[in-house]
Amino acid sequence: MQRYFIDGKVPDNRITVITGDDAKHIAKVMRQTAGDSLIAVMEGKAYAATILSADRDVEVRLDTEVEAVVEMPKQVTIACGLPKGDKLELIAQKCTELGMYAMIPFAAERSIVKWDAGKSDKKISRLQKIAKEAAEQSHRTHLPVIHNVQSFKQLLEAAGSYDAVIVAYEEEARASAPARFADILKTMYDKSTILIVFGPEGGISEKEVSSLKNAGALFTSLGPRILRTETAPFYALSAMSYEFE
């Protein structure tokens, strides 16, 4: 069944309303009517729901909770140095499918792209929509939050709120004894919130490396091959899924 995320708290009478594009999709695209079923996700829980009416808005009744463990046991936030083109959209989509908890785009020293502040709300809204569609497609119960673009300084300040910070650093792959990602993950079993930092196409600068090390971040190689900025987060989340799920 089609899945839809609904904002707000579950009402006492368990009757709620789906509005906007989702309501249009239900009524006009899926052509569902009263009596049909769908999956509604509210407050991190999925419910089998029955449509009571379908017009401009769609009224549904939440019936039984769908019991399924679909979320990664670690809350993994992906911090991406702003990449070129539409790579951020690809990262938002695929990382949502792979279990990402949240995403923080940040303006790295070597980011070629300069974020247009005037168009920021529109861009973040589009990324959030992409994440929502990916969460519905992959049957998530958590909708990843796409944060506004941060400066490196803001990212560094936010890093202190996580149980662990891991930095994917390509120079680590060239070290004589690189820190293996698999080994670092084995030290993360008692950690709940993890921030993983990825640089843009030009990588993380020496200044950023120094600041992150001083903040207590762990640096790791993602294997002997140098991955593209949009590929590295997929590798990391896949490895985490293998280790923890």
Protein backbone atom coordinates (compact mmCIF):
# COMPACT_ATOMS: atom_id res chain seq x y z
CA MET A 1 0.00 0.00 0.00
CA GLN A 2 1.05 3.57 -0.63
CA ARG A 3 2.64 5.30 2.39
CA TYR A 4 2.15 8.92 3.48
CA PHE A 5 3.78 10.97 6.23
CA ILE A 6 1.38 13.16 8.22
CA ASP A 7 2.54 15.98 10.51
CA GLY A 8 1.20 16.44 14.02
CA LYS A 9 0.14 14.17 16.85
CA VAL A 10 -2.18 11.19 16.60
CA PRO A 11 -5.69 12.47 17.51
CA ASP A 12 -7.58 10.83 20.34
CA ASN A 13 -10.28 9.70 17.90
CA ARG A 14 -7.54 8.49 15.47
CA ILE A 15 -9.12 10.42 12.59
CA THR A 16 -6.81 12.79 10.73
CA VAL A 17 -6.57 14.65 7.43
CA ILE A 18 -4.07 14.44 4.59
CA THR A 19 -3.72 17.67 2.63
CA GLY A 20 -1.76 19.25 -0.22
CA ASP A 21 0.08 17.22 -2.86
CA ASP A 22 -0.42 13.97 -0.96
CA ALA A 23 -4.19 14.41 -0.95
CA LYS A 24 -4.10 15.18 -4.67
CA HIS A 25 -1.98 12.08 -5.28
CA ILE A 26 -4.41 9.87 -3.37
CA ALA A 27 -7.56 11.19 -5.04
CA LYS A 28 -6.38 12.06 -8.55
CA VAL A 29 -3.41 9.81 -9.26
CA MET A 30 -4.16 6.71 -7.19
CA ARG A 31 -7.92 7.31 -7.63
CA GLN A 32 -8.65 6.05 -4.15
CA THR A 33 -12.02 6.66 -2.56
CA ALA A 34 -13.81 6.08 0.74
CA GLY A 35 -13.22 2.56 2.03
CA ASP A 36 -9.81 2.16 0.39
CA SER A 37 -6.67 1.58 2.45
CA LEU A 38 -3.26 3.18 2.78
CA ILE A 39 -0.39 3.43 5.26
CA ALA A 40 -0.19 6.63 7.32
CA VAL A 41 2.92 7.49 9.32
CA MET A 42 2.54 9.76 12.34
CA GLU A 43 4.91 10.36 15.25
CA GLY A 44 7.33 7.75 13.97
CA LYS A 45 4.74 4.96 13.76
CA ALA A 46 3.07 3.43 10.72
CA TYR A 47 -0.65 2.67 10.72
CA ALA A 48 -2.91 0.77 8.38
CA ALA A 49 -5.52 3.43 7.64
CA THR A 50 -8.94 3.56 6.00
CA ILE A 51 -10.02 6.46 3.81
CA LEU A 52 -13.24 8.03 5.08
CA SER A 53 -13.51 10.68 2.36
CA ALA A 54 -11.36 11.79 -0.55
CA ASP A 55 -11.82 15.17 -2.16
CA ARG A 56 -9.61 18.27 -1.92
CA ASP A 57 -8.43 16.84 1.41
CA VAL A 58 -8.41 13.18 2.39
CA GLU A 59 -9.80 12.14 5.76
CA VAL A 60 -8.48 8.87 7.13
CA ARG A 61 -8.98 6.70 10.20
CA LEU A 62 -5.88 5.16 11.75
CA ASP A 63 -6.67 1.51 12.37
CA THR A 64 -3.92 -0.85 13.51
CA GLU A 65 -0.24 -0.07 14.01
CA VAL A 66 2.03 -1.80 11.52
CA GLU A 67 4.68 -3.58 13.56
CA ALA A 68 7.94 -3.58 11.65
CA VAL A 69 11.52 -2.63 12.51
CA VAL A 70 12.68 -0.56 9.56
CA GLU A 71 14.92 2.10 11.10
CA MET A 72 18.66 1.78 11.58
CA PRO A 73 19.49 1.34 15.28
CA LYS A 74 21.89 4.31 15.06
CA GLN A 75 20.80 7.87 14.30
CA VAL A 76 23.25 8.74 11.55
CA THR A 77 23.50 12.33 10.34
CA ILE A 78 25.29 12.89 7.05
CA ALA A 79 27.23 16.18 6.75
CA CYS A 80 28.09 16.94 3.12
CA GLY A 81 30.43 19.62 1.86
CA LEU A 82 28.41 21.38 -0.84
CA PRO A 83 28.95 19.44 -4.10
CA LYS A 84 28.46 20.55 -7.70
CA GLY A 85 25.31 20.13 -9.78
CA ASP A 86 22.42 18.07 -8.51
CA LYS A 87 24.56 15.69 -6.45
CA LEU A 88 22.98 16.89 -3.21
CA GLU A 89 19.61 15.68 -4.49
CA LEU A 90 21.04 12.26 -5.23
CA ILE A 91 22.63 12.11 -1.78
CA ALA A 92 19.35 13.10 -0.10
CA GLN A 93 17.41 10.46 -2.00
CA LYS A 94 19.74 7.49 -1.72
CA CYS A 95 20.90 8.17 1.83
CA THR A 96 17.25 8.29 2.92
CA GLU A 97 16.72 4.87 1.35
CA LEU A 98 19.83 3.61 3.16
CA GLY A 99 18.68 4.78 6.61
CA MET A 100 20.04 8.31 7.10
CA TYR A 101 18.52 10.11 10.08
CA ALA A 102 19.28 13.68 8.97
CA MET A 103 21.46 15.61 6.53
CA ILE A 104 23.52 18.77 7.03
CA PRO A 105 24.88 20.45 3.88
CA PHE A 106 27.80 22.72 4.76
CA ALA A 107 29.95 25.25 2.94
CA ALA A 108 33.40 23.67 3.00
CA GLU A 109 36.55 25.61 2.24
CA ARG A 110 36.98 23.72 -1.03
CA SER A 111 33.32 23.78 -2.08
CA ILE A 112 33.14 25.13 -5.60
CA VAL A 113 29.41 25.78 -5.37
CA LYS A 114 28.34 28.97 -3.64
CA TRP A 115 24.94 28.60 -2.00
CA ASP A 116 22.46 31.27 -3.06
CA ALA A 117 20.93 32.49 0.20
CA GLY A 118 17.99 33.99 -1.68
CA LYS A 119 17.03 30.60 -3.06
CA SER A 120 17.92 28.61 0.07
CA ASP A 121 14.37 27.97 1.30
CA LYS A 122 13.30 26.71 -2.11
CA LYS A 123 16.31 24.43 -2.45
CA ILE A 124 15.95 22.96 1.04
CA SER A 125 12.23 22.46 0.45
CA ARG A 126 13.01 20.51 -2.72
CA LEU A 127 15.59 18.36 -0.91
CA GLN A 128 13.07 17.69 1.87
CA LYS A 129 10.47 16.65 -0.70
CA ILE A 130 12.98 14.27 -2.31
CA ALA A 131 13.74 12.78 1.11
CA LYS A 132 10.02 12.42 1.86
CA GLU A 133 9.35 10.56 -1.38
CA ALA A 134 12.35 8.30 -0.76
CA ALA A 135 11.20 7.61 2.82
CA GLU A 136 7.74 6.64 1.57
CA GLN A 137 9.19 4.43 -1.16
CA SER A 138 11.54 2.64 1.24
CA HIS A 139 8.83 2.22 3.92
CA ARG A 140 10.58 4.36 6.53
CA THR A 141 8.83 5.49 9.70
CA HIS A 142 11.24 8.38 10.24
CA LEU A 143 11.37 11.27 7.79
CA PRO A 144 14.97 12.56 7.64
CA VAL A 145 15.36 16.26 8.34
CA ILE A 146 17.31 18.24 5.75
CA HIS A 147 18.94 21.09 7.65
CA ASN A 148 19.69 24.50 6.21
CA VAL A 149 23.18 24.96 4.82
CA GLN A 150 25.68 25.62 7.60
CA SER A 151 29.09 27.19 7.67
CA PHE A 152 31.99 24.97 8.72
CA LYS A 153 32.08 26.84 12.03
CA GLN A 154 28.40 26.03 12.64
CA LEU A 155 29.02 22.39 11.76
CA LEU A 156 31.91 22.25 14.20
CA GLU A 157 29.74 23.71 16.97
CA ALA A 158 26.96 21.20 16.22
CA ALA A 159 29.43 18.29 16.30
CA GLY A 160 29.58 18.46 20.08
CA SER A 161 25.95 17.33 20.36
CA TYR A 162 26.67 13.88 18.85
CA ASP A 163 27.94 10.78 20.65
CA ALA A 164 30.59 10.34 17.95
CA VAL A 165 31.92 12.21 14.92
CA ILE A 166 33.57 10.32 12.06
CA VAL A 167 35.32 12.01 9.15
CA ALA A 168 35.77 10.23 5.82
CA TYR A 169 39.24 11.43 4.81
CA GLU A 170 40.83 10.35 1.55
CA GLU A 171 44.38 10.92 2.82
CA GLU A 172 43.73 8.20 5.40
CA ALA A 173 43.49 5.70 2.54
CA ARG A 174 47.06 6.57 1.55
CA ALA A 175 48.46 6.11 5.06
CA SER A 176 50.77 3.16 5.75
CA ALA A 177 48.36 1.92 8.42
CA PRO A 178 44.96 3.49 7.59
CA ALA A 179 42.16 3.57 10.15
CA ARG A 180 39.67 1.06 8.76
CA PHE A 181 36.02 2.05 8.81
CA ALA A 182 35.07 -1.49 9.83
CA ASP A 183 37.30 -1.21 12.92
CA ILE A 184 35.86 2.18 13.90
CA LEU A 185 32.30 0.85 13.59
CA LYS A 186 33.08 -1.88 16.10
CA THR A 187 33.70 0.85 18.68
CA MET A 188 30.29 2.45 18.01
CA TYR A 189 27.99 -0.09 19.65
CA ASP A 190 27.47 2.11 22.69
CA LYS A 191 26.87 5.24 20.57
CA SER A 192 23.37 6.33 19.57
CA THR A 193 23.92 9.51 17.55
CA ILE A 194 26.70 9.60 14.96
CA LEU A 195 27.75 12.43 12.65
CA ILE A 196 29.71 11.44 9.54
CA VAL A 197 31.45 14.25 7.65
CA PHE A 198 32.22 14.10 3.94
CA GLY A 199 34.10 16.74 1.99
CA PRO A 200 33.13 18.24 -1.40
CA GLU A 201 34.86 17.30 -4.67
CA GLY A 202 38.12 18.91 -3.54
CA GLY A 203 38.09 17.14 -0.20
CA ILE A 204 38.46 18.52 3.30
CA SER A 205 41.12 21.21 3.72
CA GLU A 206 44.07 20.91 6.12
CA LYS A 207 42.56 23.66 8.27
CA GLU A 208 39.24 21.81 8.52
CA VAL A 209 41.08 18.57 9.31
CA SER A 210 42.93 20.25 12.16
CA SER A 211 39.72 21.76 13.58
CA LEU A 212 37.87 18.43 13.43
CA LYS A 213 40.73 16.58 15.09
CA ASN A 214 40.80 19.16 17.89
CA ALA A 215 37.05 18.58 18.32
CA GLY A 216 37.69 14.87 18.89
CA ALA A 217 36.54 13.53 15.51
CA LEU A 218 37.70 10.11 14.35
CA PHE A 219 39.26 9.97 10.88
CA THR A 220 38.79 6.96 8.67
CA SER A 221 39.50 5.50 5.28
CA LEU A 222 36.62 4.13 3.24
CA GLY A 223 38.85 1.55 1.60
CA PRO A 224 41.80 1.75 -0.78
CA ARG A 225 39.84 3.41 -3.59
CA ILE A 226 39.05 7.13 -3.61
CA LEU A 227 35.28 7.53 -3.82
CA ARG A 228 33.35 10.40 -5.36
CA THR A 229 31.76 12.84 -2.94
CA GLU A 230 28.28 11.50 -3.76
CA THR A 231 29.35 7.83 -3.50
CA ALA A 232 31.12 7.96 -0.14
CA PRO A 233 27.94 8.44 1.98
CA PHE A 234 26.31 5.43 0.29
CA TYR A 235 29.32 3.29 1.13
CA ALA A 236 29.32 4.44 4.75
CA LEU A 237 25.62 3.84 5.34
CA SER A 238 25.76 0.44 3.65
CA ALA A 239 28.66 -0.59 5.88
CA MET A 240 26.76 0.63 8.96
CA SER A 241 23.69 -1.30 7.93
CA TYR A 242 25.83 -4.45 7.58
CA GLU A 243 27.44 -3.91 10.99
CA PHE A 244 24.40 -2.89 13.04
CA GLU A 245 21.39 -4.47 11.32
